[in-house]
């Protein structure tokens, strides 16, 4: 338990940031799951958008985002035939 007022504030801030970061992480992971269930170009674009937003908010590293996008773009897409 924090003793000083600055430590208490830091705890409040880190708790709030954790909640926001978890929402962003779950958003891009859910998008990846959706893409893996139905691999179409539209879902791939959604995943790219969610991953890029996670990088913009400093939730994941840009190299991790590049790796995720590279691996998913190699995944075969379903065709409408």
PDB file of N, CA and C in Angstrom:
ATOM      1  N   UNK A   1       0.848  -1.179   0.000  1.00  0.00           N
ATOM      2  CA  UNK A   1       0.000   0.000   0.000  1.00  0.00           C
ATOM      3  C   UNK A   1       0.890   1.238   0.000  1.00  0.00           C
ATOM      4  N   UNK A   2       0.626   2.186  -0.871  1.00  0.00           N
ATOM      5  CA  UNK A   2       1.476   3.382  -0.938  1.00  0.00           C
ATOM      6  C   UNK A   2       1.308   4.258   0.305  1.00  0.00           C
ATOM      7  N   UNK A   3       2.418   4.880   0.688  1.00  0.00           N
ATOM      8  CA  UNK A   3       2.404   5.729   1.883  1.00  0.00           C
ATOM      9  C   UNK A   3       2.299   7.203   1.538  1.00  0.00           C
ATOM     10  N   UNK A   4       3.080   7.639   0.579  1.00  0.00           N
ATOM     11  CA  UNK A   4       3.093   9.066   0.253  1.00  0.00           C
ATOM     12  C   UNK A   4       1.952   9.405  -0.694  1.00  0.00           C
ATOM     13  N   UNK A   5       1.617  10.676  -0.727  1.00  0.00           N
ATOM     14  CA  UNK A   5       0.517  11.102  -1.593  1.00  0.00           C
ATOM     15  C   UNK A   5       0.873  10.931  -3.068  1.00  0.00           C
ATOM     16  N   UNK A   6       2.145  11.129  -3.408  1.00  0.00           N
ATOM     17  CA  UNK A   6       2.545  10.956  -4.810  1.00  0.00           C
ATOM     18  C   UNK A   6       2.485   9.483  -5.220  1.00  0.00           C
ATOM     19  N   UNK A   7       2.798   8.586  -4.277  1.00  0.00           N
ATOM     20  CA  UNK A   7       2.704   7.153  -4.567  1.00  0.00           C
ATOM     21  C   UNK A   7       1.248   6.736  -4.727  1.00  0.00           C
ATOM     22  N   UNK A   8       0.360   7.335  -3.933  1.00  0.00           N
ATOM     23  CA  UNK A   8      -1.069   7.039  -4.062  1.00  0.00           C
ATOM     24  C   UNK A   8      -1.594   7.495  -5.427  1.00  0.00           C
ATOM     25  N   UNK A   9      -1.154   8.687  -5.837  1.00  0.00           N
ATOM     26  CA  UNK A   9      -1.570   9.201  -7.145  1.00  0.00           C
ATOM     27  C   UNK A   9      -1.020   8.310  -8.259  1.00  0.00           C
ATOM     28  N   UNK A  10       0.223   7.882  -8.133  1.00  0.00           N
ATOM     29  CA  UNK A  10       0.834   7.009  -9.140  1.00  0.00           C
ATOM     30  C   UNK A  10       0.064   5.693  -9.246  1.00  0.00           C
ATOM     31  N   UNK A  11      -0.385   5.176  -8.117  1.00  0.00           N
ATOM     32  CA  UNK A  11      -1.180   3.948  -8.115  1.00  0.00           C
ATOM     33  C   UNK A  11      -2.502   4.164  -8.847  1.00  0.00           C
ATOM     34  N   UNK A  12      -3.164   5.289  -8.573  1.00  0.00           N
ATOM     35  CA  UNK A  12      -4.425   5.587  -9.258  1.00  0.00           C
ATOM     36  C   UNK A  12      -4.198   5.702 -10.774  1.00  0.00           C
ATOM     37  N   UNK A  13      -3.127   6.393 -11.151  1.00  0.00           N
ATOM     38  CA  UNK A  13      -2.857   6.596 -12.573  1.00  0.00           C
ATOM     39  C   UNK A  13      -2.537   5.277 -13.262  1.00  0.00           C
ATOM     40  N   UNK A  14      -1.718   4.455 -12.633  1.00  0.00           N
ATOM     41  CA  UNK A  14      -1.336   3.201 -13.265  1.00  0.00           C
ATOM     42  C   UNK A  14      -2.533   2.258 -13.387  1.00  0.00           C
ATOM     43  N   UNK A  15      -3.426   2.297 -12.408  1.00  0.00           N
ATOM     44  CA  UNK A  15      -4.634   1.477 -12.473  1.00  0.00           C
ATOM     45  C   UNK A  15      -5.528   1.919 -13.628  1.00  0.00           C
ATOM     46  N   UNK A  16      -5.690   3.219 -13.782  1.00  0.00           N
ATOM     47  CA  UNK A  16      -6.522   3.744 -14.867  1.00  0.00           C
ATOM     48  C   UNK A  16      -5.896   3.439 -16.224  1.00  0.00           C
ATOM     49  N   UNK A  17      -4.584   3.611 -16.339  1.00  0.00           N
ATOM     50  CA  UNK A  17      -3.901   3.332 -17.606  1.00  0.00           C
ATOM     51  C   UNK A  17      -3.983   1.853 -17.957  1.00  0.00           C
ATOM     52  N   UNK A  18      -3.901   1.007 -16.933  1.00  0.00           N
ATOM     53  CA  UNK A  18      -3.993  -0.435 -17.165  1.00  0.00           C
ATOM     54  C   UNK A  18      -5.352  -0.797 -17.760  1.00  0.00           C
ATOM     55  N   UNK A  19      -6.416  -0.193 -17.247  1.00  0.00           N
ATOM     56  CA  UNK A  19      -7.754  -0.465 -17.764  1.00  0.00           C
ATOM     57  C   UNK A  19      -7.870  -0.060 -19.233  1.00  0.00           C
ATOM     58  N   UNK A  20      -7.340   1.109 -19.574  1.00  0.00           N
ATOM     59  CA  UNK A  20      -7.394   1.579 -20.957  1.00  0.00           C
ATOM     60  C   UNK A  20      -6.567   0.671 -21.854  1.00  0.00           C
ATOM     61  N   UNK A  21      -5.357   0.324 -21.392  1.00  0.00           N
ATOM     62  CA  UNK A  21      -4.476  -0.526 -22.194  1.00  0.00           C
ATOM     63  C   UNK A  21      -5.076  -1.910 -22.416  1.00  0.00           C
ATOM     64  N   UNK A  22      -5.737  -2.456 -21.400  1.00  0.00           N
ATOM     65  CA  UNK A  22      -6.355  -3.765 -21.553  1.00  0.00           C
ATOM     66  C   UNK A  22      -7.482  -3.723 -22.589  1.00  0.00           C
ATOM     67  N   UNK A  23      -8.230  -2.615 -22.625  1.00  0.00           N
ATOM     68  CA  UNK A  23      -9.282  -2.495 -23.639  1.00  0.00           C
ATOM     69  C   UNK A  23      -8.689  -2.492 -25.040  1.00  0.00           C
ATOM     70  N   UNK A  24      -7.592  -1.788 -25.217  1.00  0.00           N
ATOM     71  CA  UNK A  24      -6.942  -1.724 -26.530  1.00  0.00           C
ATOM     72  C   UNK A  24      -6.385  -3.090 -26.924  1.00  0.00           C
ATOM     73  N   UNK A  25      -5.761  -3.777 -25.966  1.00  0.00           N
ATOM     74  CA  UNK A  25      -5.199  -5.099 -26.236  1.00  0.00           C
ATOM     75  C   UNK A  25      -6.303  -6.081 -26.606  1.00  0.00           C
ATOM     76  N   UNK A  26      -7.395  -6.083 -25.835  1.00  0.00           N
ATOM     77  CA  UNK A  26      -8.497  -6.996 -26.136  1.00  0.00           C
ATOM     78  C   UNK A  26      -9.122  -6.671 -27.492  1.00  0.00           C
ATOM     79  N   UNK A  27      -9.157  -5.406 -27.848  1.00  0.00           N
ATOM     80  CA  UNK A  27      -9.747  -5.017 -29.133  1.00  0.00           C
ATOM     81  C   UNK A  27      -8.968  -5.618 -30.290  1.00  0.00           C
ATOM     82  N   UNK A  28      -7.628  -5.518 -30.272  1.00  0.00           N
ATOM     83  CA  UNK A  28      -6.885  -6.049 -31.405  1.00  0.00           C
ATOM     84  C   UNK A  28      -6.802  -7.570 -31.374  1.00  0.00           C
ATOM     85  N   UNK A  29      -6.804  -8.168 -30.187  1.00  0.00           N
ATOM     86  CA  UNK A  29      -6.786  -9.628 -30.121  1.00  0.00           C
ATOM     87  C   UNK A  29      -8.121 -10.212 -30.581  1.00  0.00           C
ATOM     88  N   UNK A  30      -9.225  -9.562 -30.233  1.00  0.00           N
ATOM     89  CA  UNK A  30     -10.534 -10.010 -30.704  1.00  0.00           C
ATOM     90  C   UNK A  30     -10.625  -9.880 -32.216  1.00  0.00           C
ATOM     91  N   UNK A  31     -10.054  -8.806 -32.757  1.00  0.00           N
ATOM     92  CA  UNK A  31     -10.053  -8.620 -34.207  1.00  0.00           C
ATOM     93  C   UNK A  31      -9.243  -9.724 -34.879  1.00  0.00           C
ATOM     94  N   UNK A  32      -8.139 -10.129 -34.271  1.00  0.00           N
ATOM     95  CA  UNK A  32      -7.327 -11.222 -34.835  1.00  0.00           C
ATOM     96  C   UNK A  32      -8.118 -12.528 -34.802  1.00  0.00           C
ATOM     97  N   UNK A  33      -8.814 -12.788 -33.687  1.00  0.00           N
ATOM     98  CA  UNK A  33      -9.624 -14.010 -33.603  1.00  0.00           C
ATOM     99  C   UNK A  33     -10.716 -14.025 -34.672  1.00  0.00           C
ATOM    100  N   UNK A  34     -11.349 -12.885 -34.885  1.00  0.00           N
ATOM    101  CA  UNK A  34     -12.380 -12.791 -35.916  1.00  0.00           C
ATOM    102  C   UNK A  34     -11.791 -13.058 -37.286  1.00  0.00           C
ATOM    103  N   UNK A  35     -10.612 -12.506 -37.542  1.00  0.00           N
ATOM    104  CA  UNK A  35      -9.956 -12.724 -38.832  1.00  0.00           C
ATOM    105  C   UNK A  35      -9.595 -14.193 -39.022  1.00  0.00           C
ATOM    106  N   UNK A  36      -9.123 -14.847 -37.961  1.00  0.00           N
ATOM    107  CA  UNK A  36      -8.729 -16.257 -38.092  1.00  0.00           C
ATOM    108  C   UNK A  36      -9.949 -17.150 -38.333  1.00  0.00           C
ATOM    109  N   UNK A  37     -11.110 -16.762 -37.805  1.00  0.00           N
ATOM    110  CA  UNK A  37     -12.316 -17.543 -38.037  1.00  0.00           C
ATOM    111  C   UNK A  37     -12.838 -17.328 -39.454  1.00  0.00           C
ATOM    112  N   UNK A  38     -12.766 -16.084 -39.925  1.00  0.00           N
ATOM    113  CA  UNK A  38     -13.240 -15.769 -41.267  1.00  0.00           C
ATOM    114  C   UNK A  38     -12.212 -14.855 -41.940  1.00  0.00           C
ATOM    115  N   UNK A  39     -11.201 -15.459 -42.584  1.00  0.00           N
ATOM    116  CA  UNK A  39     -10.120 -14.662 -43.170  1.00  0.00           C
ATOM    117  C   UNK A  39     -10.521 -14.008 -44.493  1.00  0.00           C
ATOM    118  N   UNK A  40     -11.087 -12.826 -44.397  1.00  0.00           N
ATOM    119  CA  UNK A  40     -11.408 -12.037 -45.591  1.00  0.00           C
ATOM    120  C   UNK A  40     -10.669 -10.705 -45.489  1.00  0.00           C
ATOM    121  N   UNK A  41     -10.552 -10.020 -46.618  1.00  0.00           N
ATOM    122  CA  UNK A  41      -9.777  -8.781 -46.668  1.00  0.00           C
ATOM    123  C   UNK A  41     -10.343  -7.712 -45.733  1.00  0.00           C
ATOM    124  N   UNK A  42     -11.660  -7.664 -45.591  1.00  0.00           N
ATOM    125  CA  UNK A  42     -12.284  -6.661 -44.728  1.00  0.00           C
ATOM    126  C   UNK A  42     -11.841  -6.849 -43.273  1.00  0.00           C
ATOM    127  N   UNK A  43     -11.813  -8.099 -42.813  1.00  0.00           N
ATOM    128  CA  UNK A  43     -11.377  -8.373 -41.442  1.00  0.00           C
ATOM    129  C   UNK A  43      -9.889  -8.083 -41.269  1.00  0.00           C
ATOM    130  N   UNK A  44      -9.114  -8.310 -42.320  1.00  0.00           N
ATOM    131  CA  UNK A  44      -7.688  -8.010 -42.253  1.00  0.00           C
ATOM    132  C   UNK A  44      -7.463  -6.514 -42.082  1.00  0.00           C
ATOM    133  N   UNK A  45      -8.247  -5.705 -42.788  1.00  0.00           N
ATOM    134  CA  UNK A  45      -8.132  -4.253 -42.650  1.00  0.00           C
ATOM    135  C   UNK A  45      -8.501  -3.798 -41.241  1.00  0.00           C
ATOM    136  N   UNK A  46      -9.491  -4.448 -40.643  1.00  0.00           N
ATOM    137  CA  UNK A  46      -9.890  -4.111 -39.273  1.00  0.00           C
ATOM    138  C   UNK A  46      -8.761  -4.441 -38.303  1.00  0.00           C
ATOM    139  N   UNK A  47      -8.123  -5.598 -38.493  1.00  0.00           N
ATOM    140  CA  UNK A  47      -7.011  -5.982 -37.626  1.00  0.00           C
ATOM    141  C   UNK A  47      -5.876  -4.971 -37.750  1.00  0.00           C
ATOM    142  N   UNK A  48      -5.535  -4.607 -38.990  1.00  0.00           N
ATOM    143  CA  UNK A  48      -4.456  -3.633 -39.192  1.00  0.00           C
ATOM    144  C   UNK A  48      -4.770  -2.321 -38.485  1.00  0.00           C
ATOM    145  N   UNK A  49      -6.007  -1.889 -38.556  1.00  0.00           N
ATOM    146  CA  UNK A  49      -6.410  -0.645 -37.913  1.00  0.00           C
ATOM    147  C   UNK A  49      -6.264  -0.738 -36.397  1.00  0.00           C
ATOM    148  N   UNK A  50      -6.735  -1.838 -35.820  1.00  0.00           N
ATOM    149  CA  UNK A  50      -6.667  -2.008 -34.363  1.00  0.00           C
ATOM    150  C   UNK A  50      -5.220  -2.099 -33.888  1.00  0.00           C
ATOM    151  N   UNK A  51      -4.383  -2.799 -34.641  1.00  0.00           N
ATOM    152  CA  UNK A  51      -2.976  -2.938 -34.270  1.00  0.00           C
ATOM    153  C   UNK A  51      -2.269  -1.583 -34.361  1.00  0.00           C
ATOM    154  N   UNK A  52      -2.562  -0.825 -35.421  1.00  0.00           N
ATOM    155  CA  UNK A  52      -1.948   0.496 -35.571  1.00  0.00           C
ATOM    156  C   UNK A  52      -2.380   1.445 -34.443  1.00  0.00           C
ATOM    157  N   UNK A  53      -3.622   1.337 -34.008  1.00  0.00           N
ATOM    158  CA  UNK A  53      -4.085   2.173 -32.896  1.00  0.00           C
ATOM    159  C   UNK A  53      -3.383   1.778 -31.594  1.00  0.00           C
ATOM    160  N   UNK A  54      -3.113   0.491 -31.423  1.00  0.00           N
ATOM    161  CA  UNK A  54      -2.387   0.048 -30.232  1.00  0.00           C
ATOM    162  C   UNK A  54      -0.968   0.605 -30.222  1.00  0.00           C
ATOM    163  N   UNK A  55      -0.348   0.668 -31.398  1.00  0.00           N
ATOM    164  CA  UNK A  55       0.996   1.252 -31.489  1.00  0.00           C
ATOM    165  C   UNK A  55       0.933   2.746 -31.208  1.00  0.00           C
ATOM    166  N   UNK A  56      -0.068   3.412 -31.757  1.00  0.00           N
ATOM    167  CA  UNK A  56      -0.207   4.857 -31.569  1.00  0.00           C
ATOM    168  C   UNK A  56      -0.357   5.220 -30.093  1.00  0.00           C
ATOM    169  N   UNK A  57      -1.023   4.358 -29.350  1.00  0.00           N
ATOM    170  CA  UNK A  57      -1.244   4.609 -27.920  1.00  0.00           C
ATOM    171  C   UNK A  57      -0.142   4.028 -27.043  1.00  0.00           C
ATOM    172  N   UNK A  58       0.929   3.512 -27.676  1.00  0.00           N
ATOM    173  CA  UNK A  58       2.091   2.954 -26.980  1.00  0.00           C
ATOM    174  C   UNK A  58       1.716   1.755 -26.113  1.00  0.00           C
ATOM    175  N   UNK A  59       0.760   0.969 -26.585  1.00  0.00           N
ATOM    176  CA  UNK A  59       0.373  -0.235 -25.852  1.00  0.00           C
ATOM    177  C   UNK A  59       1.256  -1.399 -26.283  1.00  0.00           C
ATOM    178  N   UNK A  60       1.571  -1.483 -27.582  1.00  0.00           N
ATOM    179  CA  UNK A  60       2.494  -2.490 -28.079  1.00  0.00           C
ATOM    180  C   UNK A  60       3.591  -1.786 -28.876  1.00  0.00           C
ATOM    181  N   UNK A  61       4.699  -2.470 -29.050  1.00  0.00           N
ATOM    182  CA  UNK A  61       5.838  -1.914 -29.776  1.00  0.00           C
ATOM    183  C   UNK A  61       5.579  -1.979 -31.278  1.00  0.00           C
ATOM    184  N   UNK A  62       6.159  -1.036 -32.011  1.00  0.00           N
ATOM    185  CA  UNK A  62       5.923  -0.976 -33.452  1.00  0.00           C
ATOM    186  C   UNK A  62       6.452  -2.215 -34.159  1.00  0.00           C
ATOM    187  N   UNK A  63       7.524  -2.814 -33.653  1.00  0.00           N
ATOM    188  CA  UNK A  63       8.049  -4.025 -34.294  1.00  0.00           C
ATOM    189  C   UNK A  63       7.111  -5.216 -34.069  1.00  0.00           C
ATOM    190  N   UNK A  64       6.467  -5.268 -32.918  1.00  0.00           N
ATOM    191  CA  UNK A  64       5.490  -6.330 -32.663  1.00  0.00           C
ATOM    192  C   UNK A  64       4.311  -6.172 -33.616  1.00  0.00           C
ATOM    193  N   UNK A  65       3.888  -4.924 -33.818  1.00  0.00           N
ATOM    194  CA  UNK A  65       2.789  -4.669 -34.742  1.00  0.00           C
ATOM    195  C   UNK A  65       3.176  -5.084 -36.151  1.00  0.00           C
ATOM    196  N   UNK A  66       4.386  -4.776 -36.556  1.00  0.00           N
ATOM    197  CA  UNK A  66       4.852  -5.151 -37.883  1.00  0.00           C
ATOM    198  C   UNK A  66       4.879  -6.670 -38.032  1.00  0.00           C
ATOM    199  N   UNK A  67       5.301  -7.370 -36.980  1.00  0.00           N
ATOM    200  CA  UNK A  67       5.352  -8.828 -37.018  1.00  0.00           C
ATOM    201  C   UNK A  67       3.942  -9.418 -37.126  1.00  0.00           C
ATOM    202  N   UNK A  68       3.008  -8.883 -36.347  1.00  0.00           N
ATOM    203  CA  UNK A  68       1.618  -9.359 -36.397  1.00  0.00           C
ATOM    204  C   UNK A  68       1.040  -9.149 -37.795  1.00  0.00           C
ATOM    205  N   UNK A  69       1.227  -7.946 -38.341  1.00  0.00           N
ATOM    206  CA  UNK A  69       0.675  -7.620 -39.648  1.00  0.00           C
ATOM    207  C   UNK A  69       1.305  -8.476 -40.741  1.00  0.00           C
ATOM    208  N   UNK A  70       2.611  -8.736 -40.620  1.00  0.00           N
ATOM    209  CA  UNK A  70       3.296  -9.550 -41.614  1.00  0.00           C
ATOM    210  C   UNK A  70       2.766 -10.985 -41.602  1.00  0.00           C
ATOM    211  N   UNK A  71       2.620 -11.544 -40.418  1.00  0.00           N
ATOM    212  CA  UNK A  71       2.160 -12.928 -40.314  1.00  0.00           C
ATOM    213  C   UNK A  71       0.711 -13.076 -40.794  1.00  0.00           C
ATOM    214  N   UNK A  72      -0.127 -12.093 -40.466  1.00  0.00           N
ATOM    215  CA  UNK A  72      -1.521 -12.192 -40.876  1.00  0.00           C
ATOM    216  C   UNK A  72      -1.680 -11.958 -42.378  1.00  0.00           C
ATOM    217  N   UNK A  73      -0.827 -11.121 -42.957  1.00  0.00           N
ATOM    218  CA  UNK A  73      -0.944 -10.878 -44.394  1.00  0.00           C
ATOM    219  C   UNK A  73      -0.492 -12.090 -45.203  1.00  0.00           C
ATOM    220  N   UNK A  74       0.313 -12.974 -44.601  1.00  0.00           N
ATOM    221  CA  UNK A  74       0.714 -14.210 -45.272  1.00  0.00           C
ATOM    222  C   UNK A  74      -0.374 -15.279 -45.197  1.00  0.00           C
ATOM    223  N   UNK A  75      -1.343 -15.069 -44.323  1.00  0.00           N
ATOM    224  CA  UNK A  75      -2.438 -16.022 -44.144  1.00  0.00           C
ATOM    225  C   UNK A  75      -3.320 -15.999 -45.389  1.00  0.00           C
ATOM    226  N   UNK A  76      -3.689 -17.175 -45.921  1.00  0.00           N
ATOM    227  CA  UNK A  76      -4.529 -17.179 -47.137  1.00  0.00           C
ATOM    228  C   UNK A  76      -5.931 -16.627 -46.859  1.00  0.00           C
ATOM    229  N   UNK A  77      -6.418 -15.821 -47.780  1.00  0.00           N
ATOM    230  CA  UNK A  77      -7.742 -15.216 -47.655  1.00  0.00           C
ATOM    231  C   UNK A  77      -8.789 -16.087 -48.335  1.00  0.00           C
ATOM    232  N   UNK A  78     -10.020 -16.050 -47.818  1.00  0.00           N
ATOM    233  CA  UNK A  78     -11.128 -16.757 -48.447  1.00  0.00           C
ATOM    234  C   UNK A  78     -11.567 -15.989 -49.690  1.00  0.00           C
ATOM    235  N   UNK A  79     -11.984 -16.724 -50.701  1.00  0.00           N
ATOM    236  CA  UNK A  79     -12.484 -16.086 -51.914  1.00  0.00           C
ATOM    237  C   UNK A  79     -13.980 -16.329 -52.031  1.00  0.00           C
ATOM    238  N   UNK A  80     -14.659 -15.443 -52.730  1.00  0.00           N
ATOM    239  CA  UNK A  80     -16.111 -15.562 -52.916  1.00  0.00           C
ATOM    240  C   UNK A  80     -16.397 -16.260 -54.241  1.00  0.00           C
ATOM    241  N   UNK A  81     -16.285 -17.583 -54.236  1.00  0.00           N
ATOM    242  CA  UNK A  81     -16.613 -18.356 -55.440  1.00  0.00           C
ATOM    243  C   UNK A  81     -17.649 -19.392 -55.158  1.00  0.00           C
TER     244      UNK A  81
END
